[in-house]
Amino acid sequence: MELTLEQLKQIVERNPYIEYWHKALVQLLPDYEINTPKRMAAFLAQCAHESGGFRAIKENLNYRAVTLRKIFSKYFPTDEMAAQYANKPEKIANLVYANRMGNGGPETGDGYRYSGRGLIQLTGKDNYFWFAASLEISPEAASEYMETFEGAAQSACWFWETNKLNQWADADDILTLTKRINGGTIGLEDRIKHYEHAKHVLGA
């Protein structure tokens, strides 16, 4: 099955760059076996949620203190600490992404350097290196590539294939898909809403 421009326009509404996204997706989806109505619906739904409707392809970490306490309560146990980091994206990323996903400590700057990029917000030094290796390019080049239409889409496709997510799409299991992508269930209701709409458009 090939995704049509009209279908994508219905699934991702009011996006001024929809033709660029369509061009990238029709080239890439078959290569990663995202080739059935269910798989496409699940993939597009997760991408739509993660990227704010295919609009944000770089993670926005410009959080206020109250938001830091809510989203990253583990790292910001007090209002005072949250206030020290509020509206400082680089400082926030270097703390919350430190010492995991292949990143070094806060002082290395890895957290911000390897913060979320692409339609599924690829995050962490390990993911950047593995994605770069799959394309035989440097992690620095991969970082730049992920901020293009094709690169943002391909990094999401690569993540999808690497984590064997088609099986959960085939099973209609949006909960497990969300956990594999997000590490939790943040935004589950919105993801399901996108998924049901995409399935309707694609006739799944």
C-alpha atoms as a PDB file:
ATOM      1  CA  MET A   1       0.000   0.000   0.000  1.00  0.00           C
ATOM      2  CA  GLU A   2       1.248   3.499  -0.834  1.00  0.00           C
ATOM      3  CA  LEU A   3       0.315   6.486   1.264  1.00  0.00           C
ATOM      4  CA  THR A   4      -1.315   9.200  -0.845  1.00  0.00           C
ATOM      5  CA  LEU A   5      -0.828  12.910  -0.349  1.00  0.00           C
ATOM      6  CA  GLU A   6      -4.564  13.348   0.288  1.00  0.00           C
ATOM      7  CA  GLN A   7      -4.522  10.681   3.005  1.00  0.00           C
ATOM      8  CA  LEU A   8      -1.546  12.311   4.714  1.00  0.00           C
ATOM      9  CA  LYS A   9      -3.264  15.716   4.545  1.00  0.00           C
ATOM     10  CA  GLN A  10      -6.242  14.235   6.397  1.00  0.00           C
ATOM     11  CA  ILE A  11      -4.075  12.525   9.012  1.00  0.00           C
ATOM     12  CA  VAL A  12      -1.689  15.455   9.564  1.00  0.00           C
ATOM     13  CA  GLU A  13      -3.938  18.478   9.253  1.00  0.00           C
ATOM     14  CA  ARG A  14      -2.925  22.051   8.481  1.00  0.00           C
ATOM     15  CA  ASN A  15       0.772  21.368   8.038  1.00  0.00           C
ATOM     16  CA  PRO A  16       2.385  23.810   5.574  1.00  0.00           C
ATOM     17  CA  TYR A  17       5.132  21.322   4.714  1.00  0.00           C
ATOM     18  CA  ILE A  18       2.916  18.319   4.052  1.00  0.00           C
ATOM     19  CA  GLU A  19       4.160  17.789   0.492  1.00  0.00           C
ATOM     20  CA  TYR A  20       7.757  17.544   1.718  1.00  0.00           C
ATOM     21  CA  TRP A  21       6.747  15.075   4.410  1.00  0.00           C
ATOM     22  CA  HIS A  22       4.795  13.021   1.884  1.00  0.00           C
ATOM     23  CA  LYS A  23       7.734  12.864  -0.518  1.00  0.00           C
ATOM     24  CA  ALA A  24      10.026  11.600   2.261  1.00  0.00           C
ATOM     25  CA  LEU A  25       7.528   9.084   3.656  1.00  0.00           C
ATOM     26  CA  VAL A  26       6.560   7.419   0.368  1.00  0.00           C
ATOM     27  CA  GLN A  27      10.244   6.802  -0.304  1.00  0.00           C
ATOM     28  CA  LEU A  28      11.084   5.501   3.160  1.00  0.00           C
ATOM     29  CA  LEU A  29       8.092   3.564   4.532  1.00  0.00           C
ATOM     30  CA  PRO A  30       8.388   0.569   2.148  1.00  0.00           C
ATOM     31  CA  ASP A  31      12.100   0.172   2.992  1.00  0.00           C
ATOM     32  CA  TYR A  32      11.174  -0.369   6.646  1.00  0.00           C
ATOM     33  CA  GLU A  33       8.119  -2.580   5.931  1.00  0.00           C
ATOM     34  CA  ILE A  34       5.711   0.045   7.249  1.00  0.00           C
ATOM     35  CA  ASN A  35       3.499  -1.034   4.407  1.00  0.00           C
ATOM     36  CA  THR A  36       0.027  -1.989   5.670  1.00  0.00           C
ATOM     37  CA  PRO A  37      -2.825   0.300   6.763  1.00  0.00           C
ATOM     38  CA  LYS A  38      -2.375  -0.699  10.437  1.00  0.00           C
ATOM     39  CA  ARG A  39       1.376  -0.217  10.417  1.00  0.00           C
ATOM     40  CA  MET A  40       1.115   3.139   8.661  1.00  0.00           C
ATOM     41  CA  ALA A  41      -1.652   4.305  10.983  1.00  0.00           C
ATOM     42  CA  ALA A  42       0.331   3.362  14.100  1.00  0.00           C
ATOM     43  CA  PHE A  43       3.553   4.898  12.794  1.00  0.00           C
ATOM     44  CA  LEU A  44       1.945   8.159  11.680  1.00  0.00           C
ATOM     45  CA  ALA A  45      -0.043   8.432  14.924  1.00  0.00           C
ATOM     46  CA  GLN A  46       3.043   8.059  17.097  1.00  0.00           C
ATOM     47  CA  CYS A  47       5.011  10.484  14.923  1.00  0.00           C
ATOM     48  CA  ALA A  48       2.160  12.999  14.989  1.00  0.00           C
ATOM     49  CA  HIS A  49       2.093  12.940  18.780  1.00  0.00           C
ATOM     50  CA  GLU A  50       5.862  13.012  19.264  1.00  0.00           C
ATOM     51  CA  SER A  51       6.379  15.870  16.793  1.00  0.00           C
ATOM     52  CA  GLY A  52       3.300  17.959  17.559  1.00  0.00           C
ATOM     53  CA  GLY A  53       1.694  17.293  14.211  1.00  0.00           C
ATOM     54  CA  PHE A  54       4.944  16.957  12.224  1.00  0.00           C
ATOM     55  CA  ARG A  55       6.015  20.444  13.295  1.00  0.00           C
ATOM     56  CA  ALA A  56       8.680  19.917  15.969  1.00  0.00           C
ATOM     57  CA  ILE A  57      11.660  17.841  14.862  1.00  0.00           C
ATOM     58  CA  LYS A  58      13.967  18.983  17.642  1.00  0.00           C
ATOM     59  CA  GLU A  59      13.078  18.535  21.300  1.00  0.00           C
ATOM     60  CA  ASN A  60      11.983  21.703  23.073  1.00  0.00           C
ATOM     61  CA  LEU A  61      13.372  21.638  26.601  1.00  0.00           C
ATOM     62  CA  ASN A  62      12.563  25.243  27.460  1.00  0.00           C
ATOM     63  CA  TYR A  63      10.490  24.267  30.528  1.00  0.00           C
ATOM     64  CA  ARG A  64       9.192  26.424  33.353  1.00  0.00           C
ATOM     65  CA  ALA A  65       9.853  25.326  36.933  1.00  0.00           C
ATOM     66  CA  VAL A  66       6.321  24.015  37.473  1.00  0.00           C
ATOM     67  CA  THR A  67       6.605  21.859  34.337  1.00  0.00           C
ATOM     68  CA  LEU A  68       9.979  20.473  35.403  1.00  0.00           C
ATOM     69  CA  ARG A  69       8.480  19.413  38.728  1.00  0.00           C
ATOM     70  CA  LYS A  70       5.658  17.664  36.901  1.00  0.00           C
ATOM     71  CA  ILE A  71       7.517  15.933  34.048  1.00  0.00           C
ATOM     72  CA  PHE A  72      10.922  15.342  35.632  1.00  0.00           C
ATOM     73  CA  SER A  73      10.003  15.134  39.325  1.00  0.00           C
ATOM     74  CA  LYS A  74      12.723  12.518  39.867  1.00  0.00           C
ATOM     75  CA  TYR A  75      15.376  15.064  38.866  1.00  0.00           C
ATOM     76  CA  PHE A  76      13.723  18.132  40.384  1.00  0.00           C
ATOM     77  CA  PRO A  77      12.509  17.075  43.848  1.00  0.00           C
ATOM     78  CA  THR A  78      12.185  20.643  45.135  1.00  0.00           C
ATOM     79  CA  ASP A  79      10.772  23.924  43.811  1.00  0.00           C
ATOM     80  CA  GLU A  80      14.093  25.582  44.550  1.00  0.00           C
ATOM     81  CA  MET A  81      16.057  23.210  42.326  1.00  0.00           C
ATOM     82  CA  ALA A  82      13.488  23.463  39.519  1.00  0.00           C
ATOM     83  CA  ALA A  83      13.762  27.261  39.663  1.00  0.00           C
ATOM     84  CA  GLN A  84      17.535  27.048  39.144  1.00  0.00           C
ATOM     85  CA  TYR A  85      17.055  25.115  35.896  1.00  0.00           C
ATOM     86  CA  ALA A  86      13.864  26.749  34.567  1.00  0.00           C
ATOM     87  CA  ASN A  87      14.040  27.995  30.963  1.00  0.00           C
ATOM     88  CA  LYS A  88      17.602  26.712  30.526  1.00  0.00           C
ATOM     89  CA  PRO A  89      17.204  23.945  27.895  1.00  0.00           C
ATOM     90  CA  GLU A  90      20.874  22.985  27.701  1.00  0.00           C
ATOM     91  CA  LYS A  91      21.250  22.731  31.469  1.00  0.00           C
ATOM     92  CA  ILE A  92      18.011  20.723  31.752  1.00  0.00           C
ATOM     93  CA  ALA A  93      19.002  18.226  29.035  1.00  0.00           C
ATOM     94  CA  ASN A  94      22.476  17.737  30.468  1.00  0.00           C
ATOM     95  CA  LEU A  95      20.933  16.787  33.822  1.00  0.00           C
ATOM     96  CA  VAL A  96      17.916  14.659  32.881  1.00  0.00           C
ATOM     97  CA  TYR A  97      19.698  12.700  30.124  1.00  0.00           C
ATOM     98  CA  ALA A  98      22.990  12.242  31.990  1.00  0.00           C
ATOM     99  CA  ASN A  99      24.527   8.801  32.559  1.00  0.00           C
ATOM    100  CA  ARG A 100      22.000   6.885  30.473  1.00  0.00           C
ATOM    101  CA  MET A 101      21.400   5.945  26.821  1.00  0.00           C
ATOM    102  CA  GLY A 102      25.168   6.040  26.347  1.00  0.00           C
ATOM    103  CA  ASN A 103      25.485   9.625  27.564  1.00  0.00           C
ATOM    104  CA  GLY A 104      28.171  10.762  29.978  1.00  0.00           C
ATOM    105  CA  GLY A 105      27.658  12.917  33.067  1.00  0.00           C
ATOM    106  CA  PRO A 106      26.155  16.426  33.046  1.00  0.00           C
ATOM    107  CA  GLU A 107      29.573  17.997  32.542  1.00  0.00           C
ATOM    108  CA  THR A 108      30.082  16.255  29.163  1.00  0.00           C
ATOM    109  CA  GLY A 109      27.209  18.081  27.464  1.00  0.00           C
ATOM    110  CA  ASP A 110      25.996  14.791  25.964  1.00  0.00           C
ATOM    111  CA  GLY A 111      22.459  15.287  27.260  1.00  0.00           C
ATOM    112  CA  TYR A 112      21.881  18.380  25.163  1.00  0.00           C
ATOM    113  CA  ARG A 113      24.064  17.256  22.240  1.00  0.00           C
ATOM    114  CA  TYR A 114      22.032  14.055  21.893  1.00  0.00           C
ATOM    115  CA  SER A 115      18.600  15.394  22.874  1.00  0.00           C
ATOM    116  CA  GLY A 116      15.530  14.433  20.872  1.00  0.00           C
ATOM    117  CA  ARG A 117      15.570  14.871  17.096  1.00  0.00           C
ATOM    118  CA  GLY A 118      13.419  13.540  14.273  1.00  0.00           C
ATOM    119  CA  LEU A 119       9.754  12.570  14.129  1.00  0.00           C
ATOM    120  CA  ILE A 120      10.078  10.103  17.031  1.00  0.00           C
ATOM    121  CA  GLN A 121      12.587  12.288  18.884  1.00  0.00           C
ATOM    122  CA  LEU A 122      15.607   9.979  18.735  1.00  0.00           C
ATOM    123  CA  THR A 123      17.447  10.556  22.013  1.00  0.00           C
ATOM    124  CA  GLY A 124      20.782   9.531  23.539  1.00  0.00           C
ATOM    125  CA  LYS A 125      24.322   9.004  22.311  1.00  0.00           C
ATOM    126  CA  ASP A 126      23.797   5.283  21.686  1.00  0.00           C
ATOM    127  CA  ASN A 127      20.808   5.855  19.408  1.00  0.00           C
ATOM    128  CA  TYR A 128      22.630   8.600  17.497  1.00  0.00           C
ATOM    129  CA  PHE A 129      25.678   6.368  16.977  1.00  0.00           C
ATOM    130  CA  TRP A 130      23.639   3.341  15.887  1.00  0.00           C
ATOM    131  CA  PHE A 131      21.498   5.407  13.521  1.00  0.00           C
ATOM    132  CA  ALA A 132      24.610   7.057  12.079  1.00  0.00           C
ATOM    133  CA  ALA A 133      26.256   3.652  11.655  1.00  0.00           C
ATOM    134  CA  SER A 134      23.229   2.351   9.733  1.00  0.00           C
ATOM    135  CA  LEU A 135      23.765   5.161   7.210  1.00  0.00           C
ATOM    136  CA  GLU A 136      27.581   4.993   7.360  1.00  0.00           C
ATOM    137  CA  ILE A 137      27.865   8.631   8.416  1.00  0.00           C
ATOM    138  CA  SER A 138      29.186  10.366  11.538  1.00  0.00           C
ATOM    139  CA  PRO A 139      26.926  11.060  14.555  1.00  0.00           C
ATOM    140  CA  GLU A 140      27.449  14.782  13.889  1.00  0.00           C
ATOM    141  CA  ALA A 141      26.210  14.369  10.311  1.00  0.00           C
ATOM    142  CA  ALA A 142      23.289  12.270  11.571  1.00  0.00           C
ATOM    143  CA  SER A 143      22.365  15.034  13.994  1.00  0.00           C
ATOM    144  CA  GLU A 144      22.154  17.548  11.124  1.00  0.00           C
ATOM    145  CA  TYR A 145      20.365  15.051   8.860  1.00  0.00           C
ATOM    146  CA  MET A 146      17.651  14.479  11.473  1.00  0.00           C
ATOM    147  CA  GLU A 147      16.697  18.145  11.193  1.00  0.00           C
ATOM    148  CA  THR A 148      15.737  17.681   7.517  1.00  0.00           C
ATOM    149  CA  PHE A 149      12.409  16.253   6.305  1.00  0.00           C
ATOM    150  CA  GLU A 150      13.976  13.030   5.021  1.00  0.00           C
ATOM    151  CA  GLY A 151      16.284  12.625   8.015  1.00  0.00           C
ATOM    152  CA  ALA A 152      13.534  13.276  10.557  1.00  0.00           C
ATOM    153  CA  ALA A 153      11.383  10.643   8.858  1.00  0.00           C
ATOM    154  CA  GLN A 154      14.207   8.121   8.369  1.00  0.00           C
ATOM    155  CA  SER A 155      15.368   8.297  11.982  1.00  0.00           C
ATOM    156  CA  ALA A 156      11.792   7.484  13.042  1.00  0.00           C
ATOM    157  CA  CYS A 157      11.616   4.586  10.563  1.00  0.00           C
ATOM    158  CA  TRP A 158      14.989   3.311  11.778  1.00  0.00           C
ATOM    159  CA  PHE A 159      13.867   3.452  15.416  1.00  0.00           C
ATOM    160  CA  TRP A 160      10.633   1.652  14.468  1.00  0.00           C
ATOM    161  CA  GLU A 161      12.468  -1.167  12.686  1.00  0.00           C
ATOM    162  CA  THR A 162      15.270  -1.467  15.261  1.00  0.00           C
ATOM    163  CA  ASN A 163      12.751  -1.871  18.076  1.00  0.00           C
ATOM    164  CA  LYS A 164      10.564  -4.270  16.051  1.00  0.00           C
ATOM    165  CA  LEU A 165       7.473  -2.098  16.453  1.00  0.00           C
ATOM    166  CA  ASN A 166       5.562  -3.473  13.456  1.00  0.00           C
ATOM    167  CA  GLN A 167       4.535  -6.485  15.547  1.00  0.00           C
ATOM    168  CA  TRP A 168       2.711  -4.232  18.025  1.00  0.00           C
ATOM    169  CA  ALA A 169       1.103  -2.267  15.222  1.00  0.00           C
ATOM    170  CA  ASP A 170      -0.134  -5.539  13.692  1.00  0.00           C
ATOM    171  CA  ALA A 171      -1.642  -6.444  17.070  1.00  0.00           C
ATOM    172  CA  ASP A 172      -3.374  -3.052  17.530  1.00  0.00           C
ATOM    173  CA  ASP A 173      -1.340  -2.690  20.741  1.00  0.00           C
ATOM    174  CA  ILE A 174      -0.906   1.066  21.066  1.00  0.00           C
ATOM    175  CA  LEU A 175      -0.138   0.788  24.787  1.00  0.00           C
ATOM    176  CA  THR A 176       2.979  -1.348  24.229  1.00  0.00           C
ATOM    177  CA  LEU A 177       3.989   0.788  21.241  1.00  0.00           C
ATOM    178  CA  THR A 178       3.795   3.897  23.383  1.00  0.00           C
ATOM    179  CA  LYS A 179       5.865   2.329  26.167  1.00  0.00           C
ATOM    180  CA  ARG A 180       8.546   1.243  23.676  1.00  0.00           C
ATOM    181  CA  ILE A 181       8.734   4.741  22.181  1.00  0.00           C
ATOM    182  CA  ASN A 182       8.175   6.915  25.240  1.00  0.00           C
ATOM    183  CA  GLY A 183       9.432   4.723  28.064  1.00  0.00           C
ATOM    184  CA  GLY A 184       6.048   5.259  29.735  1.00  0.00           C
ATOM    185  CA  THR A 185       2.525   6.195  28.789  1.00  0.00           C
ATOM    186  CA  ILE A 186       2.783   9.982  28.422  1.00  0.00           C
ATOM    187  CA  GLY A 187       0.224  11.220  25.903  1.00  0.00           C
ATOM    188  CA  LEU A 188      -1.444   7.825  25.498  1.00  0.00           C
ATOM    189  CA  GLU A 189      -4.910   9.298  25.032  1.00  0.00           C
ATOM    190  CA  ASP A 190      -3.706  11.630  22.270  1.00  0.00           C
ATOM    191  CA  ARG A 191      -1.772   8.827  20.578  1.00  0.00           C
ATOM    192  CA  ILE A 192      -4.896   6.638  20.540  1.00  0.00           C
ATOM    193  CA  LYS A 193      -6.930   9.508  19.121  1.00  0.00           C
ATOM    194  CA  HIS A 194      -4.404   9.996  16.303  1.00  0.00           C
ATOM    195  CA  TYR A 195      -4.313   6.238  15.688  1.00  0.00           C
ATOM    196  CA  GLU A 196      -8.076   5.813  15.389  1.00  0.00           C
ATOM    197  CA  HIS A 197      -8.262   8.786  13.023  1.00  0.00           C
ATOM    198  CA  ALA A 198      -5.376   7.453  10.876  1.00  0.00           C
ATOM    199  CA  LYS A 199      -6.949   3.999  10.731  1.00  0.00           C
ATOM    200  CA  HIS A 200     -10.210   5.525   9.535  1.00  0.00           C
ATOM    201  CA  VAL A 201      -8.450   7.521   6.807  1.00  0.00           C
ATOM    202  CA  LEU A 202      -6.392   4.521   5.654  1.00  0.00           C
ATOM    203  CA  GLY A 203      -9.265   2.056   5.827  1.00  0.00           C
ATOM    204  CA  ALA A 204      -7.537  -0.162   8.380  1.00  0.00           C
END
